[in-house]
């Protein structure tokens, strides 16, 4: 069984001094790699260095909607220059997107659209953050004629919203939220969606599964999310793992993990 954490903030201080041991523990549960999103320009170097320091780790460059006010047009230009150089182990644009519960979506829109445009122009997948904005994200992708691949990470919307996003080229990130019985809508959504549209993620150290303290999430728990998904869908974990692994490789565009 091989699993990939498609979205994990492994560069965060939560993992300082314990990254090797965390990866070792996760590998015992089948985790062979993970993808680290970038959220703000001052962190890009740390994200890159974290990915390059360990086998099976890859990273993205992006400006998260929470931090758009910290950036200027020059940061977008710097991102484009970096991406054009095709840096080692950099495989996507993101984390970018919209968040109705944090900040001003009006201010976030130009930054999201710019990163959609950049990913489209340079042929990179997108990693999208969307909170209470799934319809707006879908409309933006349509307006920008998005035809690539994208991860809608941390999804917690309706089946109808998910299906529209899948039809627009998005994979749906399945994380710790499905382990909470109160997340009925999300559980029903991931049970109904085509398996080929799903990928596993932890969003560690956030989005903790049931029984894990807030802020203590880890790639170690990816296997628990798989087992919960298998129970929800009524399918064997081994079968799910093989399809989800292939989905993640398709999302990020190449066979990165052996």
C-alpha atoms as a PDB file:
ATOM      1  CA  UNK A   1       0.000   0.000   0.000  1.00  0.00           C
ATOM      2  CA  UNK A   2       1.361   3.423  -1.045  1.00  0.00           C
ATOM      3  CA  UNK A   3      -0.151   6.716   0.123  1.00  0.00           C
ATOM      4  CA  UNK A   4       0.709  10.332  -0.668  1.00  0.00           C
ATOM      5  CA  UNK A   5      -0.339  13.292   1.458  1.00  0.00           C
ATOM      6  CA  UNK A   6      -1.428  15.682  -1.299  1.00  0.00           C
ATOM      7  CA  UNK A   7      -1.458  18.767   0.962  1.00  0.00           C
ATOM      8  CA  UNK A   8       0.609  19.042   4.127  1.00  0.00           C
ATOM      9  CA  UNK A   9       2.250  22.095   5.735  1.00  0.00           C
ATOM     10  CA  UNK A  10       5.296  20.073   6.723  1.00  0.00           C
ATOM     11  CA  UNK A  11       7.450  23.194   6.832  1.00  0.00           C
ATOM     12  CA  UNK A  12       5.520  24.637   9.796  1.00  0.00           C
ATOM     13  CA  UNK A  13       7.269  24.930  13.184  1.00  0.00           C
ATOM     14  CA  UNK A  14       5.094  22.118  14.552  1.00  0.00           C
ATOM     15  CA  UNK A  15       7.483  19.715  12.800  1.00  0.00           C
ATOM     16  CA  UNK A  16      10.786  21.379  13.680  1.00  0.00           C
ATOM     17  CA  UNK A  17      13.241  18.808  14.995  1.00  0.00           C
ATOM     18  CA  UNK A  18      10.933  15.839  14.374  1.00  0.00           C
ATOM     19  CA  UNK A  19      10.516  15.716  10.596  1.00  0.00           C
ATOM     20  CA  UNK A  20      12.619  12.592  10.071  1.00  0.00           C
ATOM     21  CA  UNK A  21      10.837  10.720  12.860  1.00  0.00           C
ATOM     22  CA  UNK A  22       7.402  11.837  11.622  1.00  0.00           C
ATOM     23  CA  UNK A  23       8.208  10.655   8.100  1.00  0.00           C
ATOM     24  CA  UNK A  24       9.528   7.381   9.487  1.00  0.00           C
ATOM     25  CA  UNK A  25       6.349   6.793  11.479  1.00  0.00           C
ATOM     26  CA  UNK A  26       4.170   7.737   8.499  1.00  0.00           C
ATOM     27  CA  UNK A  27       6.100   5.405   6.191  1.00  0.00           C
ATOM     28  CA  UNK A  28       5.187   2.463   8.430  1.00  0.00           C
ATOM     29  CA  UNK A  29       1.573   3.210   7.480  1.00  0.00           C
ATOM     30  CA  UNK A  30       2.342   3.358   3.765  1.00  0.00           C
ATOM     31  CA  UNK A  31       3.051   7.075   3.286  1.00  0.00           C
ATOM     32  CA  UNK A  32       5.706   7.442   0.586  1.00  0.00           C
ATOM     33  CA  UNK A  33       5.555  11.186   0.054  1.00  0.00           C
ATOM     34  CA  UNK A  34       3.802  14.488   0.527  1.00  0.00           C
ATOM     35  CA  UNK A  35       3.305  17.883  -1.101  1.00  0.00           C
ATOM     36  CA  UNK A  36       3.987  21.130   0.792  1.00  0.00           C
ATOM     37  CA  UNK A  37       2.001  24.194  -0.335  1.00  0.00           C
ATOM     38  CA  UNK A  38       3.466  27.682  -0.194  1.00  0.00           C
ATOM     39  CA  UNK A  39       1.334  30.337   1.498  1.00  0.00           C
ATOM     40  CA  UNK A  40       3.407  33.562   1.506  1.00  0.00           C
ATOM     41  CA  UNK A  41       6.574  34.747  -0.211  1.00  0.00           C
ATOM     42  CA  UNK A  42       8.724  34.946   2.947  1.00  0.00           C
ATOM     43  CA  UNK A  43       8.081  31.215   3.475  1.00  0.00           C
ATOM     44  CA  UNK A  44       8.874  29.997  -0.046  1.00  0.00           C
ATOM     45  CA  UNK A  45      12.530  29.336   0.704  1.00  0.00           C
ATOM     46  CA  UNK A  46      11.654  27.351   3.834  1.00  0.00           C
ATOM     47  CA  UNK A  47       9.068  25.329   1.896  1.00  0.00           C
ATOM     48  CA  UNK A  48      11.631  24.548  -0.805  1.00  0.00           C
ATOM     49  CA  UNK A  49      14.359  23.611   1.660  1.00  0.00           C
ATOM     50  CA  UNK A  50      12.009  21.327   3.596  1.00  0.00           C
ATOM     51  CA  UNK A  51      11.016  19.482   0.429  1.00  0.00           C
ATOM     52  CA  UNK A  52      14.571  19.128  -0.839  1.00  0.00           C
ATOM     53  CA  UNK A  53      15.796  17.766   2.498  1.00  0.00           C
ATOM     54  CA  UNK A  54      13.721  14.580   2.353  1.00  0.00           C
ATOM     55  CA  UNK A  55      13.013  11.926  -0.253  1.00  0.00           C
ATOM     56  CA  UNK A  56       9.464  11.886  -1.625  1.00  0.00           C
ATOM     57  CA  UNK A  57       8.680  15.499  -0.706  1.00  0.00           C
ATOM     58  CA  UNK A  58       7.614  18.123  -3.242  1.00  0.00           C
ATOM     59  CA  UNK A  59       6.405  21.700  -2.940  1.00  0.00           C
ATOM     60  CA  UNK A  60       4.303  24.481  -4.435  1.00  0.00           C
ATOM     61  CA  UNK A  61       4.665  28.248  -4.708  1.00  0.00           C
ATOM     62  CA  UNK A  62       1.645  30.358  -3.888  1.00  0.00           C
ATOM     63  CA  UNK A  63       0.052  33.253  -2.024  1.00  0.00           C
ATOM     64  CA  UNK A  64      -2.731  32.170   0.327  1.00  0.00           C
ATOM     65  CA  UNK A  65      -5.867  34.352   0.520  1.00  0.00           C
ATOM     66  CA  UNK A  66      -5.208  35.053   4.212  1.00  0.00           C
ATOM     67  CA  UNK A  67      -1.944  36.796   3.355  1.00  0.00           C
ATOM     68  CA  UNK A  68      -2.696  38.760   0.189  1.00  0.00           C
ATOM     69  CA  UNK A  69      -2.441  42.088   2.050  1.00  0.00           C
ATOM     70  CA  UNK A  70       1.209  41.316   2.819  1.00  0.00           C
ATOM     71  CA  UNK A  71       2.126  41.133  -0.861  1.00  0.00           C
ATOM     72  CA  UNK A  72       2.574  43.342  -3.905  1.00  0.00           C
ATOM     73  CA  UNK A  73       2.590  42.859  -7.657  1.00  0.00           C
ATOM     74  CA  UNK A  74       6.330  42.306  -7.420  1.00  0.00           C
ATOM     75  CA  UNK A  75       5.704  39.090  -5.513  1.00  0.00           C
ATOM     76  CA  UNK A  76       3.612  37.711  -8.355  1.00  0.00           C
ATOM     77  CA  UNK A  77       6.394  38.636 -10.762  1.00  0.00           C
ATOM     78  CA  UNK A  78       8.915  36.857  -8.538  1.00  0.00           C
ATOM     79  CA  UNK A  79       6.692  33.781  -8.456  1.00  0.00           C
ATOM     80  CA  UNK A  80       6.469  33.735 -12.229  1.00  0.00           C
ATOM     81  CA  UNK A  81      10.242  34.029 -12.608  1.00  0.00           C
ATOM     82  CA  UNK A  82      10.784  31.159 -10.187  1.00  0.00           C
ATOM     83  CA  UNK A  83       8.201  28.942 -11.847  1.00  0.00           C
ATOM     84  CA  UNK A  84       9.598  29.646 -15.309  1.00  0.00           C
ATOM     85  CA  UNK A  85      12.926  28.247 -14.123  1.00  0.00           C
ATOM     86  CA  UNK A  86      11.197  24.934 -13.304  1.00  0.00           C
ATOM     87  CA  UNK A  87      12.907  24.587  -9.904  1.00  0.00           C
ATOM     88  CA  UNK A  88      13.647  21.115  -8.634  1.00  0.00           C
ATOM     89  CA  UNK A  89      10.730  19.471  -6.811  1.00  0.00           C
ATOM     90  CA  UNK A  90       8.332  22.396  -7.427  1.00  0.00           C
ATOM     91  CA  UNK A  91       5.190  20.861  -8.894  1.00  0.00           C
ATOM     92  CA  UNK A  92       2.232  23.264  -8.523  1.00  0.00           C
ATOM     93  CA  UNK A  93       0.951  26.793  -7.953  1.00  0.00           C
ATOM     94  CA  UNK A  94      -0.674  27.330  -4.581  1.00  0.00           C
ATOM     95  CA  UNK A  95      -2.013  27.467  -2.034  1.00  0.00           C
ATOM     96  CA  UNK A  96      -4.237  30.169  -3.485  1.00  0.00           C
ATOM     97  CA  UNK A  97      -7.945  30.820  -3.450  1.00  0.00           C
ATOM     98  CA  UNK A  98     -10.799  32.507  -1.596  1.00  0.00           C
ATOM     99  CA  UNK A  99     -12.018  32.497   2.001  1.00  0.00           C
ATOM    100  CA  UNK A 100     -15.290  34.115   3.017  1.00  0.00           C
ATOM    101  CA  UNK A 101     -14.564  33.664   6.730  1.00  0.00           C
ATOM    102  CA  UNK A 102     -11.128  35.278   6.789  1.00  0.00           C
ATOM    103  CA  UNK A 103     -10.436  38.641   5.170  1.00  0.00           C
ATOM    104  CA  UNK A 104     -12.116  40.392   2.257  1.00  0.00           C
ATOM    105  CA  UNK A 105     -12.972  38.195  -0.717  1.00  0.00           C
ATOM    106  CA  UNK A 106     -13.035  41.295  -2.913  1.00  0.00           C
ATOM    107  CA  UNK A 107      -9.369  41.819  -2.120  1.00  0.00           C
ATOM    108  CA  UNK A 108      -8.616  38.124  -2.571  1.00  0.00           C
ATOM    109  CA  UNK A 109     -10.146  37.754  -6.046  1.00  0.00           C
ATOM    110  CA  UNK A 110      -7.382  39.475  -8.077  1.00  0.00           C
ATOM    111  CA  UNK A 111      -4.709  37.381  -6.379  1.00  0.00           C
ATOM    112  CA  UNK A 112      -6.583  34.153  -7.013  1.00  0.00           C
ATOM    113  CA  UNK A 113      -7.252  35.035 -10.639  1.00  0.00           C
ATOM    114  CA  UNK A 114      -3.620  35.999 -11.183  1.00  0.00           C
ATOM    115  CA  UNK A 115      -2.417  32.653  -9.857  1.00  0.00           C
ATOM    116  CA  UNK A 116      -4.981  30.747 -11.937  1.00  0.00           C
ATOM    117  CA  UNK A 117      -3.702  32.627 -14.973  1.00  0.00           C
ATOM    118  CA  UNK A 118      -0.081  31.909 -14.075  1.00  0.00           C
ATOM    119  CA  UNK A 119      -0.670  28.194 -13.581  1.00  0.00           C
ATOM    120  CA  UNK A 120      -2.563  28.009 -16.860  1.00  0.00           C
ATOM    121  CA  UNK A 121       0.140  29.898 -18.760  1.00  0.00           C
ATOM    122  CA  UNK A 122       3.000  27.803 -17.413  1.00  0.00           C
ATOM    123  CA  UNK A 123       1.214  24.443 -17.298  1.00  0.00           C
ATOM    124  CA  UNK A 124       1.271  23.887 -13.538  1.00  0.00           C
ATOM    125  CA  UNK A 125      -1.519  22.296 -11.493  1.00  0.00           C
ATOM    126  CA  UNK A 126      -3.325  24.491  -8.960  1.00  0.00           C
ATOM    127  CA  UNK A 127      -3.778  23.981  -5.222  1.00  0.00           C
ATOM    128  CA  UNK A 128      -6.928  25.838  -4.174  1.00  0.00           C
ATOM    129  CA  UNK A 129      -8.122  26.992  -0.745  1.00  0.00           C
ATOM    130  CA  UNK A 130     -11.887  27.580  -0.714  1.00  0.00           C
ATOM    131  CA  UNK A 131     -14.004  28.333   2.358  1.00  0.00           C
ATOM    132  CA  UNK A 132     -17.682  29.109   1.686  1.00  0.00           C
ATOM    133  CA  UNK A 133     -16.647  30.149  -1.850  1.00  0.00           C
ATOM    134  CA  UNK A 134     -16.957  26.976  -3.929  1.00  0.00           C
ATOM    135  CA  UNK A 135     -19.355  28.582  -6.405  1.00  0.00           C
ATOM    136  CA  UNK A 136     -17.061  31.598  -6.809  1.00  0.00           C
ATOM    137  CA  UNK A 137     -14.035  29.358  -7.323  1.00  0.00           C
ATOM    138  CA  UNK A 138     -15.895  27.386  -9.981  1.00  0.00           C
ATOM    139  CA  UNK A 139     -17.022  30.577 -11.712  1.00  0.00           C
ATOM    140  CA  UNK A 140     -13.454  31.920 -11.695  1.00  0.00           C
ATOM    141  CA  UNK A 141     -12.066  28.749 -13.238  1.00  0.00           C
ATOM    142  CA  UNK A 142     -14.743  28.838 -15.937  1.00  0.00           C
ATOM    143  CA  UNK A 143     -14.198  32.511 -16.643  1.00  0.00           C
ATOM    144  CA  UNK A 144     -10.464  31.922 -16.954  1.00  0.00           C
ATOM    145  CA  UNK A 145     -11.085  28.923 -19.257  1.00  0.00           C
ATOM    146  CA  UNK A 146      -9.225  26.641 -16.873  1.00  0.00           C
ATOM    147  CA  UNK A 147      -8.391  23.338 -18.589  1.00  0.00           C
ATOM    148  CA  UNK A 148      -5.684  21.977 -16.325  1.00  0.00           C
ATOM    149  CA  UNK A 149      -5.703  19.980 -13.092  1.00  0.00           C
ATOM    150  CA  UNK A 150      -6.392  21.394  -9.655  1.00  0.00           C
ATOM    151  CA  UNK A 151      -6.766  20.270  -6.054  1.00  0.00           C
ATOM    152  CA  UNK A 152      -9.741  21.722  -4.187  1.00  0.00           C
ATOM    153  CA  UNK A 153      -8.216  21.115  -0.795  1.00  0.00           C
ATOM    154  CA  UNK A 154     -10.124  20.697   2.473  1.00  0.00           C
ATOM    155  CA  UNK A 155     -13.466  20.427   0.687  1.00  0.00           C
ATOM    156  CA  UNK A 156     -16.572  20.749   2.855  1.00  0.00           C
ATOM    157  CA  UNK A 157     -19.364  21.631   0.457  1.00  0.00           C
ATOM    158  CA  UNK A 158     -22.285  19.886  -1.188  1.00  0.00           C
ATOM    159  CA  UNK A 159     -22.208  17.079  -3.727  1.00  0.00           C
ATOM    160  CA  UNK A 160     -23.557  19.448  -6.390  1.00  0.00           C
ATOM    161  CA  UNK A 161     -20.721  21.924  -5.779  1.00  0.00           C
ATOM    162  CA  UNK A 162     -18.121  19.165  -5.784  1.00  0.00           C
ATOM    163  CA  UNK A 163     -19.447  17.694  -9.030  1.00  0.00           C
ATOM    164  CA  UNK A 164     -19.234  21.075 -10.791  1.00  0.00           C
ATOM    165  CA  UNK A 165     -15.643  21.484  -9.628  1.00  0.00           C
ATOM    166  CA  UNK A 166     -14.719  17.956 -10.696  1.00  0.00           C
ATOM    167  CA  UNK A 167     -16.195  18.644 -14.125  1.00  0.00           C
ATOM    168  CA  UNK A 168     -13.969  21.760 -14.272  1.00  0.00           C
ATOM    169  CA  UNK A 169     -10.802  19.702 -13.715  1.00  0.00           C
ATOM    170  CA  UNK A 170     -10.569  19.622  -9.917  1.00  0.00           C
ATOM    171  CA  UNK A 171      -9.664  16.767  -7.647  1.00  0.00           C
ATOM    172  CA  UNK A 172     -11.365  16.867  -4.254  1.00  0.00           C
ATOM    173  CA  UNK A 173      -9.090  16.706  -1.207  1.00  0.00           C
ATOM    174  CA  UNK A 174     -10.278  14.266   1.441  1.00  0.00           C
ATOM    175  CA  UNK A 175      -8.906  14.991   4.901  1.00  0.00           C
ATOM    176  CA  UNK A 176      -9.554  14.650   8.593  1.00  0.00           C
ATOM    177  CA  UNK A 177     -12.966  16.330   8.445  1.00  0.00           C
ATOM    178  CA  UNK A 178     -14.561  13.081   7.233  1.00  0.00           C
ATOM    179  CA  UNK A 179     -13.563  11.336  10.483  1.00  0.00           C
ATOM    180  CA  UNK A 180     -15.938  13.600  12.428  1.00  0.00           C
ATOM    181  CA  UNK A 181     -19.491  12.168  12.454  1.00  0.00           C
ATOM    182  CA  UNK A 182     -20.963  15.691  12.546  1.00  0.00           C
ATOM    183  CA  UNK A 183     -19.526  16.337   9.041  1.00  0.00           C
ATOM    184  CA  UNK A 184     -22.486  14.563   7.489  1.00  0.00           C
ATOM    185  CA  UNK A 185     -22.640  16.617   4.290  1.00  0.00           C
ATOM    186  CA  UNK A 186     -18.962  16.126   3.491  1.00  0.00           C
ATOM    187  CA  UNK A 187     -19.110  12.413   4.279  1.00  0.00           C
ATOM    188  CA  UNK A 188     -22.109  11.985   1.976  1.00  0.00           C
ATOM    189  CA  UNK A 189     -20.319  13.944  -0.755  1.00  0.00           C
ATOM    190  CA  UNK A 190     -17.152  11.829  -0.737  1.00  0.00           C
ATOM    191  CA  UNK A 191     -19.280   8.689  -0.684  1.00  0.00           C
ATOM    192  CA  UNK A 192     -21.041   9.736  -3.902  1.00  0.00           C
ATOM    193  CA  UNK A 193     -18.223  11.261  -5.945  1.00  0.00           C
ATOM    194  CA  UNK A 194     -16.316   9.131  -8.455  1.00  0.00           C
ATOM    195  CA  UNK A 195     -13.301   7.596  -6.739  1.00  0.00           C
ATOM    196  CA  UNK A 196     -11.154   8.870  -9.611  1.00  0.00           C
ATOM    197  CA  UNK A 197     -11.854  12.446  -8.452  1.00  0.00           C
ATOM    198  CA  UNK A 198     -10.501  12.046  -4.902  1.00  0.00           C
ATOM    199  CA  UNK A 199      -7.074  12.424  -3.290  1.00  0.00           C
ATOM    200  CA  UNK A 200      -5.974  12.083   0.337  1.00  0.00           C
ATOM    201  CA  UNK A 201      -4.540  14.949   2.378  1.00  0.00           C
ATOM    202  CA  UNK A 202      -3.975  15.892   5.993  1.00  0.00           C
ATOM    203  CA  UNK A 203      -3.453  19.698   5.858  1.00  0.00           C
ATOM    204  CA  UNK A 204      -1.241  18.985   8.883  1.00  0.00           C
ATOM    205  CA  UNK A 205      -0.827  20.427  11.406  1.00  0.00           C
ATOM    206  CA  UNK A 206      -4.412  21.642  10.882  1.00  0.00           C
ATOM    207  CA  UNK A 207      -7.656  19.783  10.038  1.00  0.00           C
ATOM    208  CA  UNK A 208      -7.043  17.211  12.770  1.00  0.00           C
ATOM    209  CA  UNK A 209      -8.936  13.910  12.575  1.00  0.00           C
ATOM    210  CA  UNK A 210     -11.265  12.888  15.359  1.00  0.00           C
ATOM    211  CA  UNK A 211      -9.330  12.112  18.531  1.00  0.00           C
ATOM    212  CA  UNK A 212      -6.315  14.264  17.570  1.00  0.00           C
ATOM    213  CA  UNK A 213      -5.813  17.597  19.327  1.00  0.00           C
ATOM    214  CA  UNK A 214      -6.153  20.761  17.259  1.00  0.00           C
ATOM    215  CA  UNK A 215      -2.780  21.704  15.815  1.00  0.00           C
ATOM    216  CA  UNK A 216      -1.316  18.234  16.304  1.00  0.00           C
ATOM    217  CA  UNK A 217      -2.245  16.723  12.951  1.00  0.00           C
ATOM    218  CA  UNK A 218       0.488  14.841  11.087  1.00  0.00           C
ATOM    219  CA  UNK A 219       1.068  12.736   7.939  1.00  0.00           C
ATOM    220  CA  UNK A 220       1.074   9.815  10.375  1.00  0.00           C
ATOM    221  CA  UNK A 221      -2.732  10.043  10.401  1.00  0.00           C
ATOM    222  CA  UNK A 222      -3.178   9.772   6.622  1.00  0.00           C
ATOM    223  CA  UNK A 223      -3.826   6.050   6.914  1.00  0.00           C
ATOM    224  CA  UNK A 224      -6.624   6.706   9.422  1.00  0.00           C
ATOM    225  CA  UNK A 225      -8.304   8.992   6.887  1.00  0.00           C
ATOM    226  CA  UNK A 226      -8.007   6.237   4.280  1.00  0.00           C
ATOM    227  CA  UNK A 227      -9.650   3.732   6.619  1.00  0.00           C
ATOM    228  CA  UNK A 228     -12.487   6.145   7.344  1.00  0.00           C
ATOM    229  CA  UNK A 229     -13.017   6.775   3.633  1.00  0.00           C
ATOM    230  CA  UNK A 230     -13.107   3.027   3.008  1.00  0.00           C
ATOM    231  CA  UNK A 231     -15.806   2.647   5.651  1.00  0.00           C
ATOM    232  CA  UNK A 232     -17.846   5.540   4.249  1.00  0.00           C
ATOM    233  CA  UNK A 233     -17.659   4.212   0.682  1.00  0.00           C
ATOM    234  CA  UNK A 234     -17.930   0.516   1.538  1.00  0.00           C
ATOM    235  CA  UNK A 235     -14.716  -0.315  -0.334  1.00  0.00           C
ATOM    236  CA  UNK A 236     -11.510  -2.084   0.612  1.00  0.00           C
ATOM    237  CA  UNK A 237      -8.674   0.153   1.853  1.00  0.00           C
ATOM    238  CA  UNK A 238      -6.124  -1.585  -0.371  1.00  0.00           C
ATOM    239  CA  UNK A 239      -8.202  -0.901  -3.481  1.00  0.00           C
ATOM    240  CA  UNK A 240      -8.842   2.700  -2.463  1.00  0.00           C
ATOM    241  CA  UNK A 241      -5.147   3.256  -1.782  1.00  0.00           C
ATOM    242  CA  UNK A 242      -4.136   2.120  -5.270  1.00  0.00           C
ATOM    243  CA  UNK A 243      -6.653   4.394  -7.010  1.00  0.00           C
ATOM    244  CA  UNK A 244      -5.966   7.394  -4.765  1.00  0.00           C
ATOM    245  CA  UNK A 245      -2.228   7.004  -5.343  1.00  0.00           C
ATOM    246  CA  UNK A 246      -2.785   7.049  -9.107  1.00  0.00           C
ATOM    247  CA  UNK A 247      -5.085  10.070  -8.760  1.00  0.00           C
ATOM    248  CA  UNK A 248      -2.416  12.035  -6.888  1.00  0.00           C
ATOM    249  CA  UNK A 249       0.182  11.210  -9.528  1.00  0.00           C
ATOM    250  CA  UNK A 250      -2.260  12.375 -12.203  1.00  0.00           C
ATOM    251  CA  UNK A 251      -3.050  15.572 -10.309  1.00  0.00           C
ATOM    252  CA  UNK A 252       0.578  16.590 -10.017  1.00  0.00           C
ATOM    253  CA  UNK A 253       1.371  15.511 -13.527  1.00  0.00           C
ATOM    254  CA  UNK A 254       4.082  12.899 -13.253  1.00  0.00           C
ATOM    255  CA  UNK A 255       5.139   9.699 -11.538  1.00  0.00           C
ATOM    256  CA  UNK A 256       6.876  11.351  -8.597  1.00  0.00           C
ATOM    257  CA  UNK A 257       6.603   8.507  -6.116  1.00  0.00           C
ATOM    258  CA  UNK A 258       7.737   4.949  -6.654  1.00  0.00           C
END
